[in-house]
Amino acid sequence: MSSGPDPAVSSREILLFMVQSPDPAFTAKEIGDEFDKTRQWGHQQLQKLESSGYVSSKNPGGNSRFYWVTEGGKQYLSETRKG
């Protein structure tokens, strides 16, 4: 597993995974695990998406932060759809 930037996994791929999943929200570890990366990698990707307005997050207490796709993220997916 690597923790640095990985151009092989795009922001769009992460967002697509999130919206296609039945789960409403995700942790950085879940995102890292899905793409065979570390929790730190997942955290970096989710922070980047949050700063772009594509995901929002909430810390319900403890060490976990939950992330979900915003309307802006759904719009981005719609605008960048191939085909």
Protein backbone atom coordinates (compact mmCIF):
# COMPACT_ATOMS: atom_id res chain seq x y z
CA MET A 1 0.00 0.00 0.00
CA SER A 2 1.21 3.48 -0.78
CA SER A 3 0.27 6.70 0.94
CA GLY A 4 1.38 9.27 -1.61
CA PRO A 5 -0.59 10.77 -4.46
CA ASP A 6 -1.75 8.14 -6.92
CA PRO A 7 -2.74 9.40 -10.35
CA ALA A 8 -4.10 5.92 -11.09
CA VAL A 9 -7.09 6.66 -8.80
CA SER A 10 -8.99 9.78 -9.79
CA SER A 11 -11.24 11.93 -7.67
CA ARG A 12 -14.05 10.92 -10.01
CA GLU A 13 -13.45 7.22 -9.26
CA ILE A 14 -13.64 7.85 -5.52
CA LEU A 15 -16.84 9.89 -5.86
CA LEU A 16 -18.36 7.27 -8.15
CA PHE A 17 -17.63 4.55 -5.61
CA MET A 18 -19.23 6.64 -2.87
CA VAL A 19 -22.46 7.40 -4.76
CA GLN A 20 -22.86 3.86 -6.08
CA SER A 21 -22.49 2.29 -2.63
CA PRO A 22 -25.56 1.66 -0.47
CA ASP A 23 -23.67 3.24 2.46
CA PRO A 24 -24.52 6.91 3.06
CA ALA A 25 -21.12 7.92 4.48
CA PHE A 26 -17.55 6.66 4.66
CA THR A 27 -14.42 6.87 6.78
CA ALA A 28 -10.94 7.47 5.38
CA LYS A 29 -10.09 3.86 6.21
CA GLU A 30 -13.00 2.56 4.15
CA ILE A 31 -11.91 4.65 1.16
CA GLY A 32 -8.31 3.52 1.57
CA ASP A 33 -9.36 -0.12 1.85
CA GLU A 34 -11.58 0.08 -1.25
CA PHE A 35 -8.66 1.26 -3.39
CA ASP A 36 -6.04 -0.95 -1.68
CA LYS A 37 -4.38 2.06 -0.04
CA THR A 38 -3.77 3.27 3.49
CA ARG A 39 -6.10 5.19 5.78
CA GLN A 40 -3.78 8.19 5.37
CA TRP A 41 -4.18 8.03 1.60
CA GLY A 42 -7.96 7.91 2.02
CA HIS A 43 -7.80 10.89 4.37
CA GLN A 44 -5.74 12.93 1.89
CA GLN A 45 -8.13 12.15 -0.95
CA LEU A 46 -11.21 12.97 1.10
CA GLN A 47 -9.69 16.26 2.31
CA LYS A 48 -8.94 17.20 -1.29
CA LEU A 49 -12.53 16.37 -2.29
CA GLU A 50 -13.88 18.33 0.67
CA SER A 51 -11.82 21.41 -0.19
CA SER A 52 -13.27 21.20 -3.72
CA GLY A 53 -16.79 21.07 -2.28
CA TYR A 54 -17.46 17.54 -3.56
CA VAL A 55 -17.81 15.91 -0.13
CA SER A 56 -18.76 17.10 3.35
CA SER A 57 -17.77 15.58 6.65
CA LYS A 58 -18.77 15.33 10.27
CA ASN A 59 -16.90 14.15 13.35
CA PRO A 60 -19.49 12.44 15.55
CA GLY A 61 -16.97 12.10 18.37
CA GLY A 62 -13.99 9.89 18.90
CA ASN A 63 -11.41 9.45 16.18
CA SER A 64 -13.72 8.82 13.23
CA ARG A 65 -14.82 11.37 10.67
CA PHE A 66 -17.59 10.50 8.24
CA TYR A 67 -17.66 11.80 4.65
CA TRP A 68 -20.51 11.90 2.14
CA VAL A 69 -20.94 13.21 -1.39
CA THR A 70 -22.49 16.69 -1.69
CA GLU A 71 -24.78 17.97 -4.42
CA GLY A 72 -21.67 19.64 -5.84
CA GLY A 73 -19.97 16.26 -6.02
CA LYS A 74 -22.98 14.73 -7.77
CA GLN A 75 -23.01 17.63 -10.21
CA TYR A 76 -19.29 17.09 -10.92
CA LEU A 77 -19.97 13.43 -11.69
CA SER A 78 -22.82 14.40 -13.99
CA GLU A 79 -20.70 16.97 -15.84
CA THR A 80 -17.75 14.60 -16.28
CA ARG A 81 -19.75 11.54 -17.33
CA LYS A 82 -18.23 9.83 -20.34
CA GLY A 83 -20.36 8.79 -23.25
